[in-house]
Amino acid sequence: MYLARLGVTAGYSTEAQAAQMILAARDRAAQVFASWTEFAVSAVGGSLLHEDITGFVNLRRTAATLLTVDHSPWRALPFPVGDIG
């Protein structure tokens, strides 16, 4: 999802193309994970492979916030989000 947004910012893709990439990523995540918590654990664990300790700690904090704060989209939206085709 991050790379899809970067592609738009850099002029390599349109917003419509990025939206399709994001939806494809969402659909794939829904096939692999059963909840936002499982998704977060995987993302944080994966960050250990390519982030320094600061990046890991920041992602861990962000995931914890998304999983616990009442106004978080991860709390407000069911997993997976929307129709999975």
PDB file of N, CA and C in Angstrom:
ATOM      1  N   MET A   1       0.824  -1.175   0.000  1.00  0.00           N
ATOM      2  CA  MET A   1       0.000   0.000   0.000  1.00  0.00           C
ATOM      3  C   MET A   1       0.875   1.247   0.000  1.00  0.00           C
ATOM      4  N   TYR A   2       1.901   1.200   0.792  1.00  0.00           N
ATOM      5  CA  TYR A   2       2.834   2.326   0.849  1.00  0.00           C
ATOM      6  C   TYR A   2       3.470   2.550  -0.516  1.00  0.00           C
ATOM      7  N   LEU A   3       3.880   1.465  -1.162  1.00  0.00           N
ATOM      8  CA  LEU A   3       4.511   1.596  -2.473  1.00  0.00           C
ATOM      9  C   LEU A   3       3.524   2.098  -3.521  1.00  0.00           C
ATOM     10  N   ALA A   4       2.264   1.712  -3.405  1.00  0.00           N
ATOM     11  CA  ALA A   4       1.254   2.214  -4.337  1.00  0.00           C
ATOM     12  C   ALA A   4       1.122   3.731  -4.200  1.00  0.00           C
ATOM     13  N   ARG A   5       1.108   4.221  -2.973  1.00  0.00           N
ATOM     14  CA  ARG A   5       1.030   5.677  -2.758  1.00  0.00           C
ATOM     15  C   ARG A   5       2.278   6.377  -3.272  1.00  0.00           C
ATOM     16  N   LEU A   6       3.441   5.770  -3.037  1.00  0.00           N
ATOM     17  CA  LEU A   6       4.680   6.374  -3.537  1.00  0.00           C
ATOM     18  C   LEU A   6       4.679   6.453  -5.056  1.00  0.00           C
ATOM     19  N   GLY A   7       4.142   5.426  -5.718  1.00  0.00           N
ATOM     20  CA  GLY A   7       4.075   5.425  -7.170  1.00  0.00           C
ATOM     21  C   GLY A   7       3.270   6.594  -7.704  1.00  0.00           C
ATOM     22  N   VAL A   8       2.181   6.917  -7.046  1.00  0.00           N
ATOM     23  CA  VAL A   8       1.361   8.069  -7.447  1.00  0.00           C
ATOM     24  C   VAL A   8       2.130   9.359  -7.211  1.00  0.00           C
ATOM     25  N   THR A   9       2.736   9.471  -6.044  1.00  0.00           N
ATOM     26  CA  THR A   9       3.493  10.681  -5.704  1.00  0.00           C
ATOM     27  C   THR A   9       4.624  10.920  -6.693  1.00  0.00           C
ATOM     28  N   ALA A  10       5.290   9.843  -7.121  1.00  0.00           N
ATOM     29  CA  ALA A  10       6.420   9.964  -8.046  1.00  0.00           C
ATOM     30  C   ALA A  10       5.975  10.065  -9.506  1.00  0.00           C
ATOM     31  N   GLY A  11       4.677   9.914  -9.760  1.00  0.00           N
ATOM     32  CA  GLY A  11       4.180  10.021 -11.122  1.00  0.00           C
ATOM     33  C   GLY A  11       4.270   8.736 -11.930  1.00  0.00           C
ATOM     34  N   TYR A  12       4.538   7.607 -11.284  1.00  0.00           N
ATOM     35  CA  TYR A  12       4.648   6.332 -11.988  1.00  0.00           C
ATOM     36  C   TYR A  12       3.304   5.650 -12.210  1.00  0.00           C
ATOM     37  N   SER A  13       2.295   6.046 -11.443  1.00  0.00           N
ATOM     38  CA  SER A  13       0.972   5.459 -11.612  1.00  0.00           C
ATOM     39  C   SER A  13      -0.090   6.503 -11.276  1.00  0.00           C
ATOM     40  N   THR A  14      -1.307   6.199 -11.688  1.00  0.00           N
ATOM     41  CA  THR A  14      -2.429   7.082 -11.381  1.00  0.00           C
ATOM     42  C   THR A  14      -3.057   6.672 -10.057  1.00  0.00           C
ATOM     43  N   GLU A  15      -3.924   7.515  -9.532  1.00  0.00           N
ATOM     44  CA  GLU A  15      -4.636   7.157  -8.306  1.00  0.00           C
ATOM     45  C   GLU A  15      -5.508   5.923  -8.526  1.00  0.00           C
ATOM     46  N   ALA A  16      -6.099   5.800  -9.702  1.00  0.00           N
ATOM     47  CA  ALA A  16      -6.932   4.631  -9.999  1.00  0.00           C
ATOM     48  C   ALA A  16      -6.087   3.351 -10.001  1.00  0.00           C
ATOM     49  N   GLN A  17      -4.899   3.416 -10.576  1.00  0.00           N
ATOM     50  CA  GLN A  17      -4.012   2.248 -10.571  1.00  0.00           C
ATOM     51  C   GLN A  17      -3.585   1.900  -9.149  1.00  0.00           C
ATOM     52  N   ALA A  18      -3.284   2.922  -8.358  1.00  0.00           N
ATOM     53  CA  ALA A  18      -2.896   2.690  -6.965  1.00  0.00           C
ATOM     54  C   ALA A  18      -4.051   2.062  -6.191  1.00  0.00           C
ATOM     55  N   ALA A  19      -5.268   2.527  -6.443  1.00  0.00           N
ATOM     56  CA  ALA A  19      -6.424   1.957  -5.753  1.00  0.00           C
ATOM     57  C   ALA A  19      -6.559   0.477  -6.080  1.00  0.00           C
ATOM     58  N   GLN A  20      -6.337   0.097  -7.323  1.00  0.00           N
ATOM     59  CA  GLN A  20      -6.405  -1.313  -7.709  1.00  0.00           C
ATOM     60  C   GLN A  20      -5.318  -2.132  -6.999  1.00  0.00           C
ATOM     61  N   MET A  21      -4.122  -1.562  -6.873  1.00  0.00           N
ATOM     62  CA  MET A  21      -3.040  -2.260  -6.174  1.00  0.00           C
ATOM     63  C   MET A  21      -3.374  -2.439  -4.701  1.00  0.00           C
ATOM     64  N   ILE A  22      -3.955  -1.410  -4.095  1.00  0.00           N
ATOM     65  CA  ILE A  22      -4.320  -1.476  -2.679  1.00  0.00           C
ATOM     66  C   ILE A  22      -5.422  -2.508  -2.457  1.00  0.00           C
ATOM     67  N   LEU A  23      -6.407  -2.536  -3.350  1.00  0.00           N
ATOM     68  CA  LEU A  23      -7.475  -3.532  -3.222  1.00  0.00           C
ATOM     69  C   LEU A  23      -6.925  -4.953  -3.389  1.00  0.00           C
ATOM     70  N   ALA A  24      -5.987  -5.129  -4.305  1.00  0.00           N
ATOM     71  CA  ALA A  24      -5.368  -6.450  -4.490  1.00  0.00           C
ATOM     72  C   ALA A  24      -4.608  -6.861  -3.227  1.00  0.00           C
ATOM     73  N   ALA A  25      -3.910  -5.915  -2.603  1.00  0.00           N
ATOM     74  CA  ALA A  25      -3.187  -6.210  -1.363  1.00  0.00           C
ATOM     75  C   ALA A  25      -4.174  -6.566  -0.251  1.00  0.00           C
ATOM     76  N   ARG A  26      -5.278  -5.845  -0.189  1.00  0.00           N
ATOM     77  CA  ARG A  26      -6.304  -6.140   0.811  1.00  0.00           C
ATOM     78  C   ARG A  26      -6.864  -7.547   0.613  1.00  0.00           C
ATOM     79  N   ASP A  27      -7.164  -7.891  -0.638  1.00  0.00           N
ATOM     80  CA  ASP A  27      -7.716  -9.213  -0.920  1.00  0.00           C
ATOM     81  C   ASP A  27      -6.731 -10.314  -0.528  1.00  0.00           C
ATOM     82  N   ARG A  28      -5.461 -10.111  -0.809  1.00  0.00           N
ATOM     83  CA  ARG A  28      -4.442 -11.100  -0.454  1.00  0.00           C
ATOM     84  C   ARG A  28      -4.319 -11.214   1.068  1.00  0.00           C
ATOM     85  N   ALA A  29      -4.328 -10.086   1.757  1.00  0.00           N
ATOM     86  CA  ALA A  29      -4.251 -10.108   3.222  1.00  0.00           C
ATOM     87  C   ALA A  29      -5.430 -10.881   3.804  1.00  0.00           C
ATOM     88  N   ALA A  30      -6.609 -10.733   3.209  1.00  0.00           N
ATOM     89  CA  ALA A  30      -7.793 -11.425   3.716  1.00  0.00           C
ATOM     90  C   ALA A  30      -7.688 -12.936   3.533  1.00  0.00           C
ATOM     91  N   GLN A  31      -6.876 -13.385   2.565  1.00  0.00           N
ATOM     92  CA  GLN A  31      -6.678 -14.812   2.352  1.00  0.00           C
ATOM     93  C   GLN A  31      -5.696 -15.404   3.372  1.00  0.00           C
ATOM     94  N   VAL A  32      -4.849 -14.560   3.934  1.00  0.00           N
ATOM     95  CA  VAL A  32      -3.767 -15.037   4.794  1.00  0.00           C
ATOM     96  C   VAL A  32      -4.053 -14.810   6.279  1.00  0.00           C
ATOM     97  N   PHE A  33      -4.674 -13.689   6.607  1.00  0.00           N
ATOM     98  CA  PHE A  33      -4.877 -13.308   8.004  1.00  0.00           C
ATOM     99  C   PHE A  33      -6.351 -13.361   8.375  1.00  0.00           C
ATOM    100  N   ALA A  34      -6.634 -13.665   9.633  1.00  0.00           N
ATOM    101  CA  ALA A  34      -8.009 -13.756  10.109  1.00  0.00           C
ATOM    102  C   ALA A  34      -8.471 -12.516  10.867  1.00  0.00           C
ATOM    103  N   SER A  35      -7.540 -11.604  11.172  1.00  0.00           N
ATOM    104  CA  SER A  35      -7.906 -10.437  11.970  1.00  0.00           C
ATOM    105  C   SER A  35      -6.865  -9.337  11.802  1.00  0.00           C
ATOM    106  N   TRP A  36      -7.231  -8.144  12.249  1.00  0.00           N
ATOM    107  CA  TRP A  36      -6.264  -7.038  12.249  1.00  0.00           C
ATOM    108  C   TRP A  36      -5.087  -7.375  13.151  1.00  0.00           C
ATOM    109  N   THR A  37      -5.330  -8.102  14.234  1.00  0.00           N
ATOM    110  CA  THR A  37      -4.241  -8.464  15.145  1.00  0.00           C
ATOM    111  C   THR A  37      -3.229  -9.367  14.443  1.00  0.00           C
ATOM    112  N   GLU A  38      -3.703 -10.366  13.719  1.00  0.00           N
ATOM    113  CA  GLU A  38      -2.782 -11.234  12.976  1.00  0.00           C
ATOM    114  C   GLU A  38      -2.005 -10.432  11.933  1.00  0.00           C
ATOM    115  N   PHE A  39      -2.694  -9.528  11.249  1.00  0.00           N
ATOM    116  CA  PHE A  39      -2.042  -8.683  10.252  1.00  0.00           C
ATOM    117  C   PHE A  39      -0.942  -7.849  10.903  1.00  0.00           C
ATOM    118  N   ALA A  40      -1.246  -7.245  12.054  1.00  0.00           N
ATOM    119  CA  ALA A  40      -0.282  -6.402  12.764  1.00  0.00           C
ATOM    120  C   ALA A  40       0.929  -7.202  13.233  1.00  0.00           C
ATOM    121  N   VAL A  41       0.693  -8.390  13.780  1.00  0.00           N
ATOM    122  CA  VAL A  41       1.806  -9.224  14.250  1.00  0.00           C
ATOM    123  C   VAL A  41       2.734  -9.557  13.087  1.00  0.00           C
ATOM    124  N   SER A  42       2.165  -9.864  11.936  1.00  0.00           N
ATOM    125  CA  SER A  42       2.981 -10.172  10.768  1.00  0.00           C
ATOM    126  C   SER A  42       3.771  -8.947  10.294  1.00  0.00           C
ATOM    127  N   ALA A  43       3.117  -7.804  10.250  1.00  0.00           N
ATOM    128  CA  ALA A  43       3.793  -6.578   9.803  1.00  0.00           C
ATOM    129  C   ALA A  43       4.940  -6.210  10.741  1.00  0.00           C
ATOM    130  N   VAL A  44       4.684  -6.268  12.026  1.00  0.00           N
ATOM    131  CA  VAL A  44       5.722  -5.923  12.999  1.00  0.00           C
ATOM    132  C   VAL A  44       6.860  -6.945  12.944  1.00  0.00           C
ATOM    133  N   GLY A  45       6.519  -8.214  12.875  1.00  0.00           N
ATOM    134  CA  GLY A  45       7.553  -9.241  12.763  1.00  0.00           C
ATOM    135  C   GLY A  45       8.374  -9.088  11.495  1.00  0.00           C
ATOM    136  N   GLY A  46       7.708  -8.805  10.392  1.00  0.00           N
ATOM    137  CA  GLY A  46       8.409  -8.608   9.123  1.00  0.00           C
ATOM    138  C   GLY A  46       9.331  -7.409   9.142  1.00  0.00           C
ATOM    139  N   SER A  47       8.973  -6.407   9.928  1.00  0.00           N
ATOM    140  CA  SER A  47       9.813  -5.206   9.992  1.00  0.00           C
ATOM    141  C   SER A  47      11.191  -5.518  10.585  1.00  0.00           C
ATOM    142  N   LEU A  48      11.274  -6.586  11.356  1.00  0.00           N
ATOM    143  CA  LEU A  48      12.571  -6.973  11.922  1.00  0.00           C
ATOM    144  C   LEU A  48      13.570  -7.343  10.821  1.00  0.00           C
ATOM    145  N   LEU A  49      13.052  -7.729   9.661  1.00  0.00           N
ATOM    146  CA  LEU A  49      13.920  -8.136   8.559  1.00  0.00           C
ATOM    147  C   LEU A  49      14.511  -6.965   7.789  1.00  0.00           C
ATOM    148  N   HIS A  50      13.860  -5.811   7.853  1.00  0.00           N
ATOM    149  CA  HIS A  50      14.335  -4.705   7.020  1.00  0.00           C
ATOM    150  C   HIS A  50      14.403  -3.349   7.713  1.00  0.00           C
ATOM    151  N   GLU A  51      14.058  -3.266   8.952  1.00  0.00           N
ATOM    152  CA  GLU A  51      14.092  -1.998   9.682  1.00  0.00           C
ATOM    153  C   GLU A  51      15.191  -2.031  10.746  1.00  0.00           C
ATOM    154  N   ASP A  52      15.665  -0.853  11.085  1.00  0.00           N
ATOM    155  CA  ASP A  52      16.526  -0.771  12.256  1.00  0.00           C
ATOM    156  C   ASP A  52      15.631  -0.794  13.495  1.00  0.00           C
ATOM    157  N   ILE A  53      16.207  -0.764  14.660  1.00  0.00           N
ATOM    158  CA  ILE A  53      15.413  -0.882  15.886  1.00  0.00           C
ATOM    159  C   ILE A  53      14.419   0.270  16.035  1.00  0.00           C
ATOM    160  N   THR A  54      14.784   1.444  15.562  1.00  0.00           N
ATOM    161  CA  THR A  54      13.869   2.592  15.648  1.00  0.00           C
ATOM    162  C   THR A  54      12.635   2.357  14.781  1.00  0.00           C
ATOM    163  N   GLY A  55      12.847   1.871  13.554  1.00  0.00           N
ATOM    164  CA  GLY A  55      11.721   1.576  12.671  1.00  0.00           C
ATOM    165  C   GLY A  55      10.817   0.503  13.246  1.00  0.00           C
ATOM    166  N   PHE A  56      11.429  -0.524  13.826  1.00  0.00           N
ATOM    167  CA  PHE A  56      10.667  -1.597  14.459  1.00  0.00           C
ATOM    168  C   PHE A  56       9.820  -1.059  15.607  1.00  0.00           C
ATOM    169  N   VAL A  57      10.428  -0.274  16.477  1.00  0.00           N
ATOM    170  CA  VAL A  57       9.711   0.279  17.634  1.00  0.00           C
ATOM    171  C   VAL A  57       8.577   1.188  17.166  1.00  0.00           C
ATOM    172  N   ASN A  58       8.832   2.006  16.145  1.00  0.00           N
ATOM    173  CA  ASN A  58       7.788   2.897  15.634  1.00  0.00           C
ATOM    174  C   ASN A  58       6.619   2.112  15.058  1.00  0.00           C
ATOM    175  N   LEU A  59       6.908   1.061  14.292  1.00  0.00           N
ATOM    176  CA  LEU A  59       5.830   0.250  13.721  1.00  0.00           C
ATOM    177  C   LEU A  59       5.071  -0.486  14.817  1.00  0.00           C
ATOM    178  N   ARG A  60       5.785  -0.963  15.819  1.00  0.00           N
ATOM    179  CA  ARG A  60       5.119  -1.641  16.935  1.00  0.00           C
ATOM    180  C   ARG A  60       4.169  -0.686  17.658  1.00  0.00           C
ATOM    181  N   ARG A  61       4.609   0.535  17.879  1.00  0.00           N
ATOM    182  CA  ARG A  61       3.749   1.542  18.533  1.00  0.00           C
ATOM    183  C   ARG A  61       2.537   1.865  17.668  1.00  0.00           C
ATOM    184  N   THR A  62       2.768   2.029  16.368  1.00  0.00           N
ATOM    185  CA  THR A  62       1.672   2.341  15.457  1.00  0.00           C
ATOM    186  C   THR A  62       0.653   1.209  15.450  1.00  0.00           C
ATOM    187  N   ALA A  63       1.120  -0.030  15.353  1.00  0.00           N
ATOM    188  CA  ALA A  63       0.211  -1.178  15.356  1.00  0.00           C
ATOM    189  C   ALA A  63      -0.566  -1.240  16.657  1.00  0.00           C
ATOM    190  N   ALA A  64       0.105  -1.020  17.778  1.00  0.00           N
ATOM    191  CA  ALA A  64      -0.580  -1.049  19.075  1.00  0.00           C
ATOM    192  C   ALA A  64      -1.663   0.024  19.137  1.00  0.00           C
ATOM    193  N   THR A  65      -1.366   1.200  18.612  1.00  0.00           N
ATOM    194  CA  THR A  65      -2.350   2.283  18.579  1.00  0.00           C
ATOM    195  C   THR A  65      -3.540   1.892  17.707  1.00  0.00           C
ATOM    196  N   LEU A  66      -3.263   1.385  16.513  1.00  0.00           N
ATOM    197  CA  LEU A  66      -4.339   1.005  15.609  1.00  0.00           C
ATOM    198  C   LEU A  66      -5.217  -0.099  16.185  1.00  0.00           C
ATOM    199  N   LEU A  67      -4.654  -0.955  16.997  1.00  0.00           N
ATOM    200  CA  LEU A  67      -5.416  -2.052  17.583  1.00  0.00           C
ATOM    201  C   LEU A  67      -6.192  -1.652  18.833  1.00  0.00           C
ATOM    202  N   THR A  68      -5.840  -0.518  19.461  1.00  0.00           N
ATOM    203  CA  THR A  68      -6.458  -0.199  20.755  1.00  0.00           C
ATOM    204  C   THR A  68      -7.241   1.112  20.816  1.00  0.00           C
ATOM    205  N   VAL A  69      -6.909   2.088  20.003  1.00  0.00           N
ATOM    206  CA  VAL A  69      -7.572   3.392  20.083  1.00  0.00           C
ATOM    207  C   VAL A  69      -8.977   3.303  19.480  1.00  0.00           C
ATOM    208  N   ASP A  70      -9.960   3.821  20.194  1.00  0.00           N
ATOM    209  CA  ASP A  70     -11.359   3.688  19.772  1.00  0.00           C
ATOM    210  C   ASP A  70     -11.635   4.220  18.369  1.00  0.00           C
ATOM    211  N   HIS A  71     -11.004   5.306  17.958  1.00  0.00           N
ATOM    212  CA  HIS A  71     -11.292   5.904  16.650  1.00  0.00           C
ATOM    213  C   HIS A  71     -10.417   5.350  15.522  1.00  0.00           C
ATOM    214  N   SER A  72      -9.666   4.296  15.795  1.00  0.00           N
ATOM    215  CA  SER A  72      -8.814   3.670  14.786  1.00  0.00           C
ATOM    216  C   SER A  72      -9.661   2.973  13.722  1.00  0.00           C
ATOM    217  N   PRO A  73      -9.250   3.049  12.450  1.00  0.00           N
ATOM    218  CA  PRO A  73      -9.984   2.294  11.422  1.00  0.00           C
ATOM    219  C   PRO A  73      -9.925   0.788  11.667  1.00  0.00           C
ATOM    220  N   TRP A  74      -8.868   0.308  12.296  1.00  0.00           N
ATOM    221  CA  TRP A  74      -8.779  -1.131  12.583  1.00  0.00           C
ATOM    222  C   TRP A  74      -9.791  -1.544  13.631  1.00  0.00           C
ATOM    223  N   ARG A  75     -10.210  -0.628  14.482  1.00  0.00           N
ATOM    224  CA  ARG A  75     -11.252  -0.930  15.482  1.00  0.00           C
ATOM    225  C   ARG A  75     -12.632  -0.720  14.888  1.00  0.00           C
ATOM    226  N   ALA A  76     -12.749   0.242  13.987  1.00  0.00           N
ATOM    227  CA  ALA A  76     -14.054   0.606  13.438  1.00  0.00           C
ATOM    228  C   ALA A  76     -14.492  -0.291  12.283  1.00  0.00           C
ATOM    229  N   LEU A  77     -13.516  -0.833  11.535  1.00  0.00           N
ATOM    230  CA  LEU A  77     -13.847  -1.621  10.349  1.00  0.00           C
ATOM    231  C   LEU A  77     -13.577  -3.098  10.592  1.00  0.00           C
ATOM    232  N   PRO A  78     -14.505  -3.946  10.146  1.00  0.00           N
ATOM    233  CA  PRO A  78     -14.267  -5.386  10.285  1.00  0.00           C
ATOM    234  C   PRO A  78     -13.133  -5.832   9.366  1.00  0.00           C
ATOM    235  N   PHE A  79     -12.526  -6.937   9.691  1.00  0.00           N
ATOM    236  CA  PHE A  79     -11.488  -7.508   8.829  1.00  0.00           C
ATOM    237  C   PHE A  79     -12.069  -8.744   8.171  1.00  0.00           C
ATOM    238  N   PRO A  80     -11.991  -8.895   6.870  1.00  0.00           N
ATOM    239  CA  PRO A  80     -11.510  -7.956   5.880  1.00  0.00           C
ATOM    240  C   PRO A  80     -12.533  -6.859   5.614  1.00  0.00           C
ATOM    241  N   VAL A  81     -12.079  -5.782   5.039  1.00  0.00           N
ATOM    242  CA  VAL A  81     -12.925  -4.625   4.792  1.00  0.00           C
ATOM    243  C   VAL A  81     -13.560  -4.745   3.414  1.00  0.00           C
ATOM    244  N   GLY A  82     -14.864  -4.624   3.331  1.00  0.00           N
ATOM    245  CA  GLY A  82     -15.553  -4.586   2.040  1.00  0.00           C
ATOM    246  C   GLY A  82     -15.682  -5.951   1.387  1.00  0.00           C
ATOM    247  N   ASP A  83     -16.157  -5.922   0.151  1.00  0.00           N
ATOM    248  CA  ASP A  83     -16.363  -7.138  -0.616  1.00  0.00           C
ATOM    249  C   ASP A  83     -15.020  -7.674  -1.095  1.00  0.00           C
ATOM    250  N   ILE A  84     -14.798  -8.943  -0.895  1.00  0.00           N
ATOM    251  CA  ILE A  84     -13.591  -9.598  -1.367  1.00  0.00           C
ATOM    252  C   ILE A  84     -13.993 -10.414  -2.596  1.00  0.00           C
ATOM    253  N   GLY A  85     -13.374 -10.046  -3.729  1.00  0.00           N
ATOM    254  CA  GLY A  85     -13.781 -10.686  -4.977  1.00  0.00           C
ATOM    255  C   GLY A  85     -12.920 -11.724  -5.462  1.00  0.00           C
TER     256      GLY A  85
END
